[in-house]
Amino acid sequence: MKSSRLFKGIIKAAIIAMFFAPWFTVQATQTCFKTGQRTSGMNKICYYRCPTGTIAITIQSWQICPLSIRR
């Protein structure tokens, strides 16, 4: 009896979680700061340090690399 009630409670919580999940999802953004750049042909590669590691973006060579980006 006790395990049956627990099982029903778990199922009920799972159904509620599946119903409300799309409204409660939050995407975390991170701010990345420029660490360098290099030009390669007609492109410029901008390097950034983020909390999760280093990333690079490619822009046109005449553009200016942003000092920071949000990912």
N, C-alpha and C. Protein backbone atom coordinates (compact mmCIF):
# COMPACT_ATOMS: atom_id res chain seq x y z
N MET A 1 0.83 -1.19 0.00
CA MET A 1 0.00 0.00 0.00
C MET A 1 0.87 1.25 0.00
N LYS A 2 1.89 1.26 0.86
CA LYS A 2 2.74 2.43 0.98
C LYS A 2 3.54 2.64 -0.31
N SER A 3 4.08 1.55 -0.91
CA SER A 3 4.86 1.67 -2.14
C SER A 3 3.97 2.06 -3.31
N SER A 4 2.72 1.64 -3.31
CA SER A 4 1.78 2.00 -4.36
C SER A 4 1.50 3.50 -4.34
N ARG A 5 1.34 4.06 -3.14
CA ARG A 5 1.09 5.49 -3.01
C ARG A 5 2.33 6.29 -3.44
N LEU A 6 3.51 5.79 -3.09
CA LEU A 6 4.75 6.44 -3.50
C LEU A 6 4.89 6.41 -5.02
N PHE A 7 4.59 5.28 -5.63
CA PHE A 7 4.67 5.15 -7.09
C PHE A 7 3.71 6.12 -7.77
N LYS A 8 2.48 6.22 -7.27
CA LYS A 8 1.51 7.15 -7.84
C LYS A 8 2.00 8.59 -7.72
N GLY A 9 2.62 8.92 -6.59
CA GLY A 9 3.16 10.26 -6.40
C GLY A 9 4.28 10.57 -7.38
N ILE A 10 5.13 9.59 -7.62
CA ILE A 10 6.22 9.77 -8.60
C ILE A 10 5.66 9.96 -10.00
N ILE A 11 4.70 9.17 -10.38
CA ILE A 11 4.07 9.30 -11.70
C ILE A 11 3.40 10.67 -11.84
N LYS A 12 2.70 11.09 -10.80
CA LYS A 12 2.03 12.39 -10.83
C LYS A 12 3.05 13.52 -10.99
N ALA A 13 4.17 13.45 -10.27
CA ALA A 13 5.21 14.47 -10.38
C ALA A 13 5.83 14.47 -11.78
N ALA A 14 6.01 13.29 -12.36
CA ALA A 14 6.59 13.21 -13.71
C ALA A 14 5.66 13.83 -14.74
N ILE A 15 4.37 13.58 -14.62
CA ILE A 15 3.40 14.16 -15.57
C ILE A 15 3.37 15.67 -15.43
N ILE A 16 3.38 16.18 -14.22
CA ILE A 16 3.39 17.63 -14.00
C ILE A 16 4.67 18.23 -14.58
N ALA A 17 5.81 17.57 -14.35
CA ALA A 17 7.09 18.08 -14.87
C ALA A 17 7.09 18.11 -16.39
N MET A 18 6.53 17.08 -17.03
CA MET A 18 6.48 17.05 -18.50
C MET A 18 5.57 18.16 -19.04
N PHE A 19 4.50 18.46 -18.34
CA PHE A 19 3.57 19.49 -18.79
C PHE A 19 4.17 20.88 -18.66
N PHE A 20 4.83 21.16 -17.55
CA PHE A 20 5.34 22.50 -17.29
C PHE A 20 6.77 22.73 -17.78
N ALA A 21 7.48 21.70 -18.20
CA ALA A 21 8.89 21.83 -18.60
C ALA A 21 9.14 22.91 -19.65
N PRO A 22 8.33 23.03 -20.71
CA PRO A 22 8.63 24.06 -21.70
C PRO A 22 8.60 25.49 -21.16
N TRP A 23 7.83 25.73 -20.11
CA TRP A 23 7.72 27.08 -19.57
C TRP A 23 8.83 27.41 -18.58
N PHE A 24 9.49 26.39 -18.07
CA PHE A 24 10.50 26.62 -17.04
C PHE A 24 11.93 26.43 -17.52
N THR A 25 12.13 26.13 -18.79
CA THR A 25 13.49 25.96 -19.27
C THR A 25 14.16 27.32 -19.38
N VAL A 26 15.36 27.41 -18.90
CA VAL A 26 16.11 28.65 -18.90
C VAL A 26 17.46 28.37 -19.56
N GLN A 27 17.79 29.18 -20.54
CA GLN A 27 19.09 29.04 -21.17
C GLN A 27 20.04 30.02 -20.52
N ALA A 28 21.12 29.51 -20.01
CA ALA A 28 22.11 30.36 -19.38
C ALA A 28 22.98 31.00 -20.46
N THR A 29 23.20 32.28 -20.33
CA THR A 29 24.11 32.96 -21.25
C THR A 29 25.39 33.28 -20.51
N GLN A 30 26.44 33.37 -21.26
CA GLN A 30 27.73 33.69 -20.66
C GLN A 30 28.36 34.83 -21.44
N THR A 31 29.07 35.68 -20.75
CA THR A 31 29.78 36.78 -21.38
C THR A 31 31.22 36.34 -21.62
N CYS A 32 31.67 36.54 -22.84
CA CYS A 32 33.02 36.16 -23.24
C CYS A 32 33.79 37.43 -23.60
N PHE A 33 35.05 37.50 -23.20
CA PHE A 33 35.86 38.69 -23.43
C PHE A 33 36.98 38.41 -24.42
N LYS A 34 37.22 39.38 -25.31
CA LYS A 34 38.20 39.24 -26.37
C LYS A 34 39.61 39.06 -25.80
N THR A 35 40.32 38.08 -26.36
CA THR A 35 41.70 37.84 -25.95
C THR A 35 42.68 38.04 -27.10
N GLY A 36 42.17 38.07 -28.34
CA GLY A 36 43.07 38.25 -29.46
C GLY A 36 42.34 38.17 -30.78
N GLN A 37 43.10 38.37 -31.86
CA GLN A 37 42.53 38.29 -33.20
C GLN A 37 43.65 38.02 -34.19
N ARG A 38 43.27 37.49 -35.36
CA ARG A 38 44.23 37.35 -36.45
C ARG A 38 43.47 37.41 -37.76
N THR A 39 44.12 37.90 -38.78
CA THR A 39 43.52 38.01 -40.10
C THR A 39 44.01 36.85 -40.95
N SER A 40 43.07 36.25 -41.66
CA SER A 40 43.38 35.12 -42.54
C SER A 40 42.65 35.35 -43.86
N GLY A 41 43.35 35.87 -44.85
CA GLY A 41 42.72 36.17 -46.13
C GLY A 41 41.72 37.30 -46.00
N MET A 42 40.50 37.03 -46.40
CA MET A 42 39.43 38.03 -46.33
C MET A 42 38.65 37.94 -45.02
N ASN A 43 39.11 37.10 -44.10
CA ASN A 43 38.42 36.90 -42.82
C ASN A 43 39.28 37.34 -41.65
N LYS A 44 38.62 37.66 -40.56
CA LYS A 44 39.31 37.94 -39.31
C LYS A 44 38.75 36.96 -38.28
N ILE A 45 39.63 36.34 -37.54
CA ILE A 45 39.23 35.39 -36.50
C ILE A 45 39.44 36.08 -35.15
N CYS A 46 38.37 36.20 -34.40
CA CYS A 46 38.39 36.86 -33.09
C CYS A 46 38.32 35.77 -32.02
N TYR A 47 39.21 35.84 -31.04
CA TYR A 47 39.27 34.85 -29.97
C TYR A 47 38.73 35.44 -28.67
N TYR A 48 37.98 34.61 -27.93
CA TYR A 48 37.34 35.06 -26.71
C TYR A 48 37.52 34.03 -25.59
N ARG A 49 37.68 34.52 -24.38
CA ARG A 49 37.73 33.67 -23.19
C ARG A 49 36.35 33.69 -22.54
N CYS A 50 35.77 32.51 -22.42
CA CYS A 50 34.45 32.34 -21.80
C CYS A 50 34.62 31.51 -20.53
N PRO A 51 33.62 31.51 -19.66
CA PRO A 51 33.70 30.66 -18.47
C PRO A 51 33.87 29.18 -18.80
N THR A 52 33.38 28.76 -19.96
CA THR A 52 33.47 27.34 -20.34
C THR A 52 34.67 27.04 -21.22
N GLY A 53 35.48 28.05 -21.54
CA GLY A 53 36.66 27.81 -22.37
C GLY A 53 36.83 28.89 -23.42
N THR A 54 37.79 28.69 -24.30
CA THR A 54 38.07 29.65 -25.36
C THR A 54 37.25 29.33 -26.59
N ILE A 55 36.71 30.38 -27.24
CA ILE A 55 35.98 30.20 -28.49
C ILE A 55 36.51 31.20 -29.52
N ALA A 56 36.17 30.97 -30.76
CA ALA A 56 36.57 31.87 -31.84
C ALA A 56 35.37 32.13 -32.73
N ILE A 57 35.28 33.36 -33.24
CA ILE A 57 34.26 33.69 -34.23
C ILE A 57 34.98 34.24 -35.46
N THR A 58 34.37 34.09 -36.60
CA THR A 58 34.94 34.59 -37.84
C THR A 58 34.07 35.72 -38.38
N ILE A 59 34.72 36.83 -38.72
CA ILE A 59 34.03 37.98 -39.29
C ILE A 59 34.80 38.41 -40.53
N GLN A 60 34.28 39.39 -41.26
CA GLN A 60 35.00 39.91 -42.43
C GLN A 60 36.20 40.72 -41.96
N SER A 61 37.26 40.71 -42.75
CA SER A 61 38.53 41.30 -42.31
C SER A 61 38.45 42.79 -42.04
N TRP A 62 37.51 43.50 -42.64
CA TRP A 62 37.39 44.94 -42.42
C TRP A 62 36.59 45.28 -41.17
N GLN A 63 35.92 44.29 -40.58
CA GLN A 63 35.12 44.53 -39.38
C GLN A 63 36.00 44.56 -38.13
N ILE A 64 35.48 45.16 -37.07
CA ILE A 64 36.18 45.23 -35.79
C ILE A 64 35.62 44.14 -34.88
N CYS A 65 36.52 43.41 -34.24
CA CYS A 65 36.09 42.38 -33.28
C CYS A 65 35.44 43.05 -32.08
N PRO A 66 34.26 42.60 -31.67
CA PRO A 66 33.63 43.14 -30.46
C PRO A 66 34.52 42.84 -29.24
N LEU A 67 34.54 43.73 -28.26
CA LEU A 67 35.33 43.52 -27.05
C LEU A 67 34.76 42.37 -26.20
N SER A 68 33.44 42.16 -26.30
CA SER A 68 32.83 41.04 -25.58
C SER A 68 31.65 40.54 -26.40
N ILE A 69 31.30 39.30 -26.19
CA ILE A 69 30.13 38.70 -26.85
C ILE A 69 29.36 37.90 -25.82
N ARG A 70 28.08 37.66 -26.08
CA ARG A 70 27.24 36.83 -25.20
C ARG A 70 26.90 35.58 -25.96
N ARG A 71 27.09 34.45 -25.29
CA ARG A 71 26.81 33.15 -25.89
C ARG A 71 25.78 32.42 -25.09
